[in-house]
Amino acid sequence: MSAARLVDQPWRRPPQLDALLTEANRLGFAMSCEDRTGALLAVLAASKPGGRLLELGTGAGAGAAWLLDGMTATATLMSVEADPTVQDVARRHLGMDPRLRLVQQDAAAWLAGYTGPMFDLAYVDCRPGKYEHLDRLVSLLRPGALYVGDDLSPQPTWPHDHQGRVDAFLDRLVHERGIRPLIMNWASGLVVAART
């Protein structure tokens, strides 16, 4: 790739990603993080050397693969998922990485019960932390931490009543205390916000 060309796709991908996505597709799991979102996650993870990162909604592990690909050797990632079947895909392909801790629990229950250290970056790929319990997640972010949410543009996997939920979330974001958001009509529809 020429450095002078602007492209809309990543120039590199995590080595485990193709095998992980193949297995996810076999399971019928169609909600994996797409490549442009993943490439952004890797860059943002790289901006937090030695940081504590959080993912709500492991799914089959695509987002986690991108985050790990960008993280430094001393950074850590905690990834929370309610569905053990899809999270097992992530466990098989990424579980050997000592920087990763996979938690099998409903994200809302995890948010309610978590009492550990604060985070430097949170990627939210499920309803809790985005459409519900946003204030709780924001309270777990250090000043200067980043919040990333995706799938804000219509997706084939959306239930029929989901657009109203997304609209309410986007309206809330611009008034949420403690974060400064940027909403982007790019990739799957993204928000990147800084904890103030």
Protein backbone atom coordinates (compact mmCIF):
# COMPACT_ATOMS: atom_id res chain seq x y z
CA MET A 1 0.00 0.00 0.00
CA SER A 2 1.32 3.41 -0.93
CA ALA A 3 1.52 5.80 2.01
CA ALA A 4 0.15 8.53 -0.26
CA ARG A 5 -3.15 6.71 -0.91
CA LEU A 6 -6.16 7.09 1.33
CA VAL A 7 -7.97 3.79 1.79
CA ASP A 8 -11.07 2.88 3.74
CA GLN A 9 -9.97 -0.61 4.77
CA PRO A 10 -7.26 -1.72 7.23
CA TRP A 11 -3.84 -2.54 5.82
CA ARG A 12 -3.33 -5.32 8.37
CA ARG A 13 -5.59 -7.66 10.31
CA PRO A 14 -5.08 -9.73 13.47
CA PRO A 15 -3.64 -13.16 12.57
CA GLN A 16 -6.43 -15.10 14.34
CA LEU A 17 -9.28 -13.10 12.79
CA ASP A 18 -10.10 -15.18 9.70
CA ALA A 19 -10.27 -18.49 11.60
CA LEU A 20 -12.29 -16.89 14.37
CA LEU A 21 -14.81 -15.38 11.92
CA THR A 22 -15.12 -18.67 10.02
CA GLU A 23 -16.06 -20.44 13.24
CA ALA A 24 -18.47 -17.64 14.23
CA ASN A 25 -20.20 -17.92 10.83
CA ARG A 26 -20.53 -21.69 11.28
CA LEU A 27 -22.37 -21.00 14.54
CA GLY A 28 -24.65 -18.51 12.79
CA PHE A 29 -23.21 -15.61 14.80
CA ALA A 30 -23.59 -12.57 12.53
CA MET A 31 -22.74 -9.70 14.88
CA SER A 32 -18.93 -9.65 14.79
CA CYS A 33 -17.06 -6.36 14.75
CA GLU A 34 -16.37 -5.28 11.16
CA ASP A 35 -12.85 -4.55 9.91
CA ARG A 36 -12.94 -0.73 9.83
CA THR A 37 -14.26 -0.61 13.39
CA GLY A 38 -11.64 -3.16 14.40
CA ALA A 39 -8.81 -1.17 12.84
CA LEU A 40 -9.93 1.89 14.81
CA LEU A 41 -10.05 -0.20 17.99
CA ALA A 42 -6.46 -1.35 17.42
CA VAL A 43 -5.27 2.24 17.00
CA LEU A 44 -7.13 3.43 20.10
CA ALA A 45 -5.80 0.45 22.10
CA ALA A 46 -2.26 1.37 21.00
CA SER A 47 -2.84 4.87 22.44
CA LYS A 48 -3.18 3.35 25.94
CA PRO A 49 0.23 1.73 26.65
CA GLY A 50 -0.01 -0.43 29.76
CA GLY A 51 -3.71 0.45 29.94
CA ARG A 52 -6.67 -1.43 31.35
CA LEU A 53 -9.18 -2.08 28.58
CA LEU A 54 -12.74 -3.35 28.79
CA GLU A 55 -14.99 -4.94 26.19
CA LEU A 56 -18.67 -5.47 26.90
CA GLY A 57 -19.96 -8.08 24.45
CA THR A 58 -17.12 -10.44 23.52
CA GLY A 59 -19.27 -12.24 20.97
CA ALA A 60 -16.96 -14.62 19.14
CA GLY A 61 -13.94 -12.41 19.79
CA ALA A 62 -13.45 -10.25 16.68
CA GLY A 63 -13.33 -7.00 18.66
CA ALA A 64 -11.04 -8.56 21.24
CA ALA A 65 -8.69 -9.74 18.47
CA TRP A 66 -8.41 -6.18 17.14
CA LEU A 67 -7.92 -4.71 20.62
CA LEU A 68 -5.22 -7.25 21.48
CA ASP A 69 -3.52 -6.56 18.14
CA GLY A 70 -3.12 -2.89 19.10
CA MET A 71 -2.35 -3.31 22.80
CA THR A 72 1.13 -3.13 24.31
CA ALA A 73 2.60 -6.12 26.11
CA THR A 74 1.74 -4.64 29.52
CA ALA A 75 -1.86 -3.68 28.73
CA THR A 76 -4.78 -5.88 29.82
CA LEU A 77 -8.22 -6.57 28.37
CA MET A 78 -11.26 -7.78 30.29
CA SER A 79 -14.02 -8.99 27.96
CA VAL A 80 -17.53 -9.80 29.21
CA GLU A 81 -20.09 -11.96 27.39
CA ALA A 82 -23.35 -13.59 28.46
CA ASP A 83 -23.40 -16.35 25.81
CA PRO A 84 -20.85 -19.08 26.63
CA THR A 85 -21.18 -20.74 23.21
CA VAL A 86 -19.99 -17.75 21.20
CA GLN A 87 -17.45 -16.69 23.83
CA ASP A 88 -15.91 -20.16 23.58
CA VAL A 89 -14.87 -19.25 20.02
CA ALA A 90 -12.89 -16.33 21.45
CA ARG A 91 -11.49 -18.57 24.17
CA ARG A 92 -10.21 -21.11 21.63
CA HIS A 93 -8.59 -18.52 19.37
CA LEU A 94 -7.46 -15.85 21.84
CA GLY A 95 -7.48 -17.46 25.28
CA MET A 96 -3.76 -18.22 25.26
CA ASP A 97 -2.96 -14.48 25.35
CA PRO A 98 -2.05 -13.65 28.98
CA ARG A 99 -3.27 -10.06 28.53
CA LEU A 100 -6.87 -11.25 28.05
CA ARG A 101 -9.37 -12.16 30.76
CA LEU A 102 -12.67 -13.56 29.47
CA VAL A 103 -15.64 -13.22 31.82
CA GLN A 104 -18.81 -15.22 31.13
CA GLN A 105 -21.56 -13.08 32.68
CA ASP A 106 -24.41 -10.80 31.67
CA ALA A 107 -22.86 -7.37 31.10
CA ALA A 108 -25.56 -5.57 33.12
CA ALA A 109 -24.91 -7.82 36.12
CA TRP A 110 -21.16 -7.41 35.66
CA LEU A 111 -21.50 -3.60 35.58
CA ALA A 112 -23.62 -3.65 38.73
CA GLY A 113 -21.16 -5.81 40.66
CA TYR A 114 -17.75 -4.65 39.44
CA THR A 115 -15.58 -3.08 42.15
CA GLY A 116 -12.09 -3.26 40.63
CA PRO A 117 -9.79 -0.62 39.14
CA MET A 118 -10.99 1.92 36.58
CA PHE A 119 -10.46 1.50 32.83
CA ASP A 120 -8.59 3.47 30.17
CA LEU A 121 -10.76 2.34 27.26
CA ALA A 122 -14.16 0.68 26.99
CA TYR A 123 -15.54 -0.86 23.80
CA VAL A 124 -19.26 -1.56 24.06
CA ASP A 125 -20.73 -4.08 21.63
CA CYS A 126 -23.92 -5.03 23.51
CA ARG A 127 -26.89 -3.24 25.07
CA PRO A 128 -25.57 -2.76 28.64
CA GLY A 129 -23.13 0.14 28.72
CA LYS A 130 -24.78 1.66 25.66
CA TYR A 131 -28.57 1.57 25.72
CA GLU A 132 -28.77 0.90 29.45
CA HIS A 133 -26.38 1.52 32.37
CA LEU A 134 -24.36 4.09 30.40
CA ASP A 135 -23.83 6.25 33.49
CA ARG A 136 -22.49 3.26 35.43
CA LEU A 137 -19.96 2.47 32.71
CA VAL A 138 -18.87 6.11 32.47
CA SER A 139 -18.23 6.05 36.23
CA LEU A 140 -15.73 3.18 35.67
CA LEU A 141 -13.63 5.20 33.20
CA ARG A 142 -10.60 7.24 34.25
CA PRO A 143 -10.42 10.88 33.15
CA GLY A 144 -9.08 10.83 29.59
CA ALA A 145 -10.33 7.29 28.99
CA LEU A 146 -12.03 6.47 25.70
CA TYR A 147 -15.51 5.06 25.16
CA VAL A 148 -16.28 3.34 21.83
CA GLY A 149 -19.66 2.06 20.71
CA ASP A 150 -20.55 0.60 17.31
CA ASP A 151 -23.52 -0.67 15.27
CA LEU A 152 -25.36 2.66 15.38
CA SER A 153 -26.32 2.57 11.70
CA PRO A 154 -29.09 0.16 10.69
CA GLN A 155 -27.88 -3.45 10.67
CA PRO A 156 -29.52 -6.57 9.19
CA THR A 157 -29.40 -8.19 12.64
CA TRP A 158 -31.46 -5.45 14.35
CA PRO A 159 -34.84 -6.36 15.86
CA HIS A 160 -37.73 -4.33 14.43
CA ASP A 161 -37.95 -2.00 17.46
CA HIS A 162 -34.21 -1.24 17.76
CA GLN A 163 -34.07 2.07 15.82
CA GLY A 164 -35.91 3.89 18.62
CA ARG A 165 -33.39 2.57 21.15
CA VAL A 166 -30.49 3.83 19.01
CA ASP A 167 -32.12 7.24 18.51
CA ALA A 168 -32.65 7.65 22.26
CA PHE A 169 -29.02 6.66 22.94
CA LEU A 170 -27.67 9.18 20.43
CA ASP A 171 -29.86 11.93 21.89
CA ARG A 172 -28.66 11.05 25.37
CA LEU A 173 -24.99 11.06 24.40
CA VAL A 174 -24.85 14.75 23.68
CA HIS A 175 -26.23 15.50 27.17
CA GLU A 176 -24.42 12.79 29.17
CA ARG A 177 -22.32 14.27 31.95
CA GLY A 178 -18.70 13.23 32.07
CA ILE A 179 -18.07 12.43 28.40
CA ARG A 180 -17.38 14.34 25.20
CA PRO A 181 -18.71 12.31 22.25
CA LEU A 182 -18.02 12.26 18.53
CA ILE A 183 -20.75 10.45 16.56
CA MET A 184 -19.60 9.16 13.16
CA ASN A 185 -21.59 7.92 10.19
CA TRP A 186 -18.72 5.58 9.27
CA ALA A 187 -18.16 1.83 9.36
CA SER A 188 -21.15 0.39 11.26
CA GLY A 189 -21.98 3.80 12.81
CA LEU A 190 -19.68 4.70 15.68
CA VAL A 191 -19.34 6.86 18.74
CA VAL A 192 -15.96 7.65 20.23
CA ALA A 193 -16.07 9.68 23.42
CA ALA A 194 -13.50 10.94 25.90
CA ARG A 195 -14.11 10.78 29.66
CA THR A 196 -13.84 14.32 30.99
